[in-house]
Amino acid sequence: MSKVTLSTELPLRAEVACALARTPGLFAFVVAPIISVPQLEIPDRVEPGVEGAARIWWFGIVPAWRHHLRLVRLTDREIYTNEWGGPVRVWNHRLTFEPIGENRCRYTDEVEVQDGLHGFGIRLFIRVMFRHRHRRWRQLAALLAESDIEIRPGRAAAE
């Protein structure tokens, strides 16, 4: 098994960033336009043990494989999943949000993948995709930090 890790600082409280990370809309934003997932099949209640799946599309036009996900752990500062699909046999993904100030956190993506025939290509893809994801996270977090919108954990929209 190999591990790829990337961290970035966000101008958001850890609990707020983690709550945002749980939403399909945030996922769609941070992976666009490289990946799109037009229809995510997950239950309404998201809790450990829940499984979901979706067809991945490259750049919104090229269909790829069906990707599967099992939620292993969910706290107010961590999301941990086991994922698989297509050439990816093992994709253990941990997202952590560590407070580093009153309104700042360190967001870390850590993925453990199975080595093997596709291992090098998958690790390369992860590095490229994570850089993209983290850039998009920073863009969104900066906009939210500059706005007058108050985001509270557990709420999809601010009041």
C-alpha atoms as a PDB file:
ATOM      1  CA  MET A   1       0.000   0.000   0.000  1.00  0.00           C
ATOM      2  CA  SER A   2       1.127   3.531  -0.766  1.00  0.00           C
ATOM      3  CA  LYS A   3      -0.059   6.772   0.785  1.00  0.00           C
ATOM      4  CA  VAL A   4      -0.441  10.213  -0.806  1.00  0.00           C
ATOM      5  CA  THR A   5      -1.058  13.219   1.445  1.00  0.00           C
ATOM      6  CA  LEU A   6      -1.638  16.918   0.786  1.00  0.00           C
ATOM      7  CA  SER A   7      -2.573  19.644   3.290  1.00  0.00           C
ATOM      8  CA  THR A   8      -3.666  23.242   2.915  1.00  0.00           C
ATOM      9  CA  GLU A   9      -4.827  25.985   5.252  1.00  0.00           C
ATOM     10  CA  LEU A  10      -8.363  27.318   4.965  1.00  0.00           C
ATOM     11  CA  PRO A  11      -9.828  30.493   6.503  1.00  0.00           C
ATOM     12  CA  LEU A  12     -12.709  28.482   8.003  1.00  0.00           C
ATOM     13  CA  ARG A  13     -13.341  26.809  11.337  1.00  0.00           C
ATOM     14  CA  ALA A  14     -12.560  23.085  11.197  1.00  0.00           C
ATOM     15  CA  GLU A  15     -16.140  22.040  11.967  1.00  0.00           C
ATOM     16  CA  VAL A  16     -17.522  24.326   9.263  1.00  0.00           C
ATOM     17  CA  ALA A  17     -15.096  23.031   6.631  1.00  0.00           C
ATOM     18  CA  CYS A  18     -15.852  19.417   7.550  1.00  0.00           C
ATOM     19  CA  ALA A  19     -19.609  20.075   7.375  1.00  0.00           C
ATOM     20  CA  LEU A  20     -19.139  21.565   3.907  1.00  0.00           C
ATOM     21  CA  ALA A  21     -17.058  18.548   2.848  1.00  0.00           C
ATOM     22  CA  ARG A  22     -20.046  16.294   3.585  1.00  0.00           C
ATOM     23  CA  THR A  23     -22.179  17.956   0.932  1.00  0.00           C
ATOM     24  CA  PRO A  24     -22.418  16.666  -2.642  1.00  0.00           C
ATOM     25  CA  GLY A  25     -22.346  20.255  -3.914  1.00  0.00           C
ATOM     26  CA  LEU A  26     -18.936  20.910  -2.381  1.00  0.00           C
ATOM     27  CA  PHE A  27     -17.571  17.693  -3.879  1.00  0.00           C
ATOM     28  CA  ALA A  28     -18.935  18.656  -7.298  1.00  0.00           C
ATOM     29  CA  PHE A  29     -17.292  22.089  -7.036  1.00  0.00           C
ATOM     30  CA  VAL A  30     -13.815  20.953  -5.944  1.00  0.00           C
ATOM     31  CA  VAL A  31     -13.449  18.225  -8.590  1.00  0.00           C
ATOM     32  CA  ALA A  32     -14.937  20.242 -11.489  1.00  0.00           C
ATOM     33  CA  PRO A  33     -14.252  20.494 -14.366  1.00  0.00           C
ATOM     34  CA  ILE A  34     -11.915  17.467 -14.374  1.00  0.00           C
ATOM     35  CA  ILE A  35     -14.485  15.073 -12.958  1.00  0.00           C
ATOM     36  CA  SER A  36     -18.246  15.264 -12.837  1.00  0.00           C
ATOM     37  CA  VAL A  37     -20.692  12.988 -11.103  1.00  0.00           C
ATOM     38  CA  PRO A  38     -24.152  13.791 -12.516  1.00  0.00           C
ATOM     39  CA  GLN A  39     -26.001  11.358 -10.280  1.00  0.00           C
ATOM     40  CA  LEU A  40     -24.703  10.354  -6.862  1.00  0.00           C
ATOM     41  CA  GLU A  41     -26.541   7.381  -5.399  1.00  0.00           C
ATOM     42  CA  ILE A  42     -26.381   7.699  -1.606  1.00  0.00           C
ATOM     43  CA  PRO A  43     -29.025   7.363   1.099  1.00  0.00           C
ATOM     44  CA  ASP A  44     -30.539  10.519   2.619  1.00  0.00           C
ATOM     45  CA  ARG A  45     -29.103   9.665   6.035  1.00  0.00           C
ATOM     46  CA  VAL A  46     -25.316   9.719   5.940  1.00  0.00           C
ATOM     47  CA  GLU A  47     -23.701   7.734   8.747  1.00  0.00           C
ATOM     48  CA  PRO A  48     -20.904   5.170   9.121  1.00  0.00           C
ATOM     49  CA  GLY A  49     -21.670   2.004   7.183  1.00  0.00           C
ATOM     50  CA  VAL A  50     -23.590   3.793   4.425  1.00  0.00           C
ATOM     51  CA  GLU A  51     -22.562   2.918   0.866  1.00  0.00           C
ATOM     52  CA  GLY A  52     -22.996   4.890  -2.316  1.00  0.00           C
ATOM     53  CA  ALA A  53     -21.998   4.782  -5.962  1.00  0.00           C
ATOM     54  CA  ALA A  54     -21.801   7.020  -8.990  1.00  0.00           C
ATOM     55  CA  ARG A  55     -20.682   6.997 -12.611  1.00  0.00           C
ATOM     56  CA  ILE A  56     -17.613   9.192 -13.073  1.00  0.00           C
ATOM     57  CA  TRP A  57     -17.379  11.394 -16.154  1.00  0.00           C
ATOM     58  CA  TRP A  58     -14.142  12.979 -17.371  1.00  0.00           C
ATOM     59  CA  PHE A  59     -14.650  16.666 -18.174  1.00  0.00           C
ATOM     60  CA  GLY A  60     -18.397  16.062 -18.154  1.00  0.00           C
ATOM     61  CA  ILE A  61     -18.378  14.286 -21.523  1.00  0.00           C
ATOM     62  CA  VAL A  62     -16.376  11.033 -21.339  1.00  0.00           C
ATOM     63  CA  PRO A  63     -17.984   8.290 -19.242  1.00  0.00           C
ATOM     64  CA  ALA A  64     -15.589   6.355 -17.031  1.00  0.00           C
ATOM     65  CA  TRP A  65     -16.167   3.667 -14.438  1.00  0.00           C
ATOM     66  CA  ARG A  66     -18.686   3.304 -11.670  1.00  0.00           C
ATOM     67  CA  HIS A  67     -17.075   4.385  -8.399  1.00  0.00           C
ATOM     68  CA  HIS A  68     -18.161   2.937  -5.036  1.00  0.00           C
ATOM     69  CA  LEU A  69     -17.790   4.381  -1.561  1.00  0.00           C
ATOM     70  CA  ARG A  70     -18.382   3.111   1.976  1.00  0.00           C
ATOM     71  CA  LEU A  71     -18.404   5.633   4.823  1.00  0.00           C
ATOM     72  CA  VAL A  72     -16.261   4.216   7.631  1.00  0.00           C
ATOM     73  CA  ARG A  73     -15.963   7.132  10.068  1.00  0.00           C
ATOM     74  CA  LEU A  74     -17.634  10.527  10.327  1.00  0.00           C
ATOM     75  CA  THR A  75     -16.929  13.109  13.039  1.00  0.00           C
ATOM     76  CA  ASP A  76     -17.106  16.884  13.156  1.00  0.00           C
ATOM     77  CA  ARG A  77     -13.445  17.008  11.991  1.00  0.00           C
ATOM     78  CA  GLU A  78     -12.898  13.813   9.992  1.00  0.00           C
ATOM     79  CA  ILE A  79     -14.389  11.842   7.104  1.00  0.00           C
ATOM     80  CA  TYR A  80     -12.957   8.411   6.335  1.00  0.00           C
ATOM     81  CA  THR A  81     -14.107   6.260   3.408  1.00  0.00           C
ATOM     82  CA  ASN A  82     -13.156   3.036   1.648  1.00  0.00           C
ATOM     83  CA  GLU A  83     -13.569   3.434  -2.109  1.00  0.00           C
ATOM     84  CA  TRP A  84     -13.108   1.312  -5.213  1.00  0.00           C
ATOM     85  CA  GLY A  85     -14.017   1.134  -8.881  1.00  0.00           C
ATOM     86  CA  GLY A  86     -12.470   0.846 -12.346  1.00  0.00           C
ATOM     87  CA  PRO A  87      -8.690   0.587 -12.079  1.00  0.00           C
ATOM     88  CA  VAL A  88      -8.879   1.601  -8.403  1.00  0.00           C
ATOM     89  CA  ARG A  89      -9.084  -1.516  -6.248  1.00  0.00           C
ATOM     90  CA  VAL A  90      -8.293   0.199  -2.918  1.00  0.00           C
ATOM     91  CA  TRP A  91      -8.768   3.914  -2.200  1.00  0.00           C
ATOM     92  CA  ASN A  92      -8.909   4.526   1.569  1.00  0.00           C
ATOM     93  CA  HIS A  93      -9.565   8.256   1.825  1.00  0.00           C
ATOM     94  CA  ARG A  94      -9.266  10.319   4.999  1.00  0.00           C
ATOM     95  CA  LEU A  95     -10.179  14.015   5.071  1.00  0.00           C
ATOM     96  CA  THR A  96      -9.208  15.789   8.283  1.00  0.00           C
ATOM     97  CA  PHE A  97      -9.847  19.350   9.440  1.00  0.00           C
ATOM     98  CA  GLU A  98      -7.504  20.450  12.233  1.00  0.00           C
ATOM     99  CA  PRO A  99      -8.098  23.794  13.982  1.00  0.00           C
ATOM    100  CA  ILE A 100      -5.054  26.083  13.765  1.00  0.00           C
ATOM    101  CA  GLY A 101      -6.696  29.309  14.904  1.00  0.00           C
ATOM    102  CA  GLU A 102     -10.065  30.771  15.780  1.00  0.00           C
ATOM    103  CA  ASN A 103     -11.293  30.803  12.174  1.00  0.00           C
ATOM    104  CA  ARG A 104      -8.640  28.712  10.420  1.00  0.00           C
ATOM    105  CA  CYS A 105      -8.017  25.041   9.874  1.00  0.00           C
ATOM    106  CA  ARG A 106      -5.587  22.705   8.173  1.00  0.00           C
ATOM    107  CA  TYR A 107      -7.418  20.527   5.661  1.00  0.00           C
ATOM    108  CA  THR A 108      -5.617  17.283   4.803  1.00  0.00           C
ATOM    109  CA  ASP A 109      -6.462  14.742   2.124  1.00  0.00           C
ATOM    110  CA  GLU A 110      -4.786  11.390   2.709  1.00  0.00           C
ATOM    111  CA  VAL A 111      -5.335   8.453   0.389  1.00  0.00           C
ATOM    112  CA  GLU A 112      -3.956   4.976   0.775  1.00  0.00           C
ATOM    113  CA  VAL A 113      -3.975   3.034  -2.498  1.00  0.00           C
ATOM    114  CA  GLN A 114      -3.002  -0.478  -3.390  1.00  0.00           C
ATOM    115  CA  ASP A 115       0.289  -0.795  -5.195  1.00  0.00           C
ATOM    116  CA  GLY A 116       0.497  -2.862  -8.309  1.00  0.00           C
ATOM    117  CA  LEU A 117       0.118  -2.519 -12.031  1.00  0.00           C
ATOM    118  CA  HIS A 118      -1.943   0.689 -11.845  1.00  0.00           C
ATOM    119  CA  GLY A 119      -0.364   2.041  -8.634  1.00  0.00           C
ATOM    120  CA  PHE A 120       2.001   4.598 -10.178  1.00  0.00           C
ATOM    121  CA  GLY A 121      -0.672   6.074 -12.455  1.00  0.00           C
ATOM    122  CA  ILE A 122      -3.214   6.225  -9.636  1.00  0.00           C
ATOM    123  CA  ARG A 123      -0.734   7.986  -7.315  1.00  0.00           C
ATOM    124  CA  LEU A 124       0.108  10.482 -10.065  1.00  0.00           C
ATOM    125  CA  PHE A 125      -3.601  11.147 -10.642  1.00  0.00           C
ATOM    126  CA  ILE A 126      -4.117  11.651  -6.887  1.00  0.00           C
ATOM    127  CA  ARG A 127      -1.325  14.230  -6.701  1.00  0.00           C
ATOM    128  CA  VAL A 128      -2.731  16.190  -9.660  1.00  0.00           C
ATOM    129  CA  MET A 129      -6.329  15.906  -8.469  1.00  0.00           C
ATOM    130  CA  PHE A 130      -5.494  16.876  -4.877  1.00  0.00           C
ATOM    131  CA  ARG A 131      -3.651  20.006  -6.018  1.00  0.00           C
ATOM    132  CA  HIS A 132      -6.717  20.925  -8.050  1.00  0.00           C
ATOM    133  CA  ARG A 133      -9.111  20.112  -5.175  1.00  0.00           C
ATOM    134  CA  HIS A 134      -7.094  22.131  -2.678  1.00  0.00           C
ATOM    135  CA  ARG A 135      -6.886  25.129  -5.025  1.00  0.00           C
ATOM    136  CA  ARG A 136     -10.684  25.024  -5.457  1.00  0.00           C
ATOM    137  CA  TRP A 137     -11.175  24.641  -1.669  1.00  0.00           C
ATOM    138  CA  ARG A 138      -8.998  27.721  -1.060  1.00  0.00           C
ATOM    139  CA  GLN A 139     -10.986  29.721  -3.635  1.00  0.00           C
ATOM    140  CA  LEU A 140     -14.314  28.808  -2.054  1.00  0.00           C
ATOM    141  CA  ALA A 141     -13.093  29.275   1.520  1.00  0.00           C
ATOM    142  CA  ALA A 142     -11.703  32.728   0.685  1.00  0.00           C
ATOM    143  CA  LEU A 143     -15.061  33.770  -0.797  1.00  0.00           C
ATOM    144  CA  LEU A 144     -16.927  32.464   2.246  1.00  0.00           C
ATOM    145  CA  ALA A 145     -14.493  34.131   4.658  1.00  0.00           C
ATOM    146  CA  GLU A 146     -14.901  37.490   2.868  1.00  0.00           C
ATOM    147  CA  SER A 147     -18.695  37.304   2.768  1.00  0.00           C
ATOM    148  CA  ASP A 148     -21.135  38.186   5.513  1.00  0.00           C
ATOM    149  CA  ILE A 149     -22.529  34.643   5.398  1.00  0.00           C
ATOM    150  CA  GLU A 150     -22.364  32.773   8.669  1.00  0.00           C
ATOM    151  CA  ILE A 151     -22.019  29.042   8.136  1.00  0.00           C
ATOM    152  CA  ARG A 152     -22.758  26.788  11.049  1.00  0.00           C
ATOM    153  CA  PRO A 153     -22.001  23.065  11.150  1.00  0.00           C
ATOM    154  CA  GLY A 154     -25.022  20.923  10.427  1.00  0.00           C
ATOM    155  CA  ARG A 155     -26.655  23.550   8.212  1.00  0.00           C
ATOM    156  CA  ALA A 156     -26.589  23.424   4.423  1.00  0.00           C
ATOM    157  CA  ALA A 157     -27.147  27.169   4.082  1.00  0.00           C
ATOM    158  CA  ALA A 158     -26.430  30.171   6.206  1.00  0.00           C
ATOM    159  CA  GLU A 159     -29.025  32.449   7.747  1.00  0.00           C
END
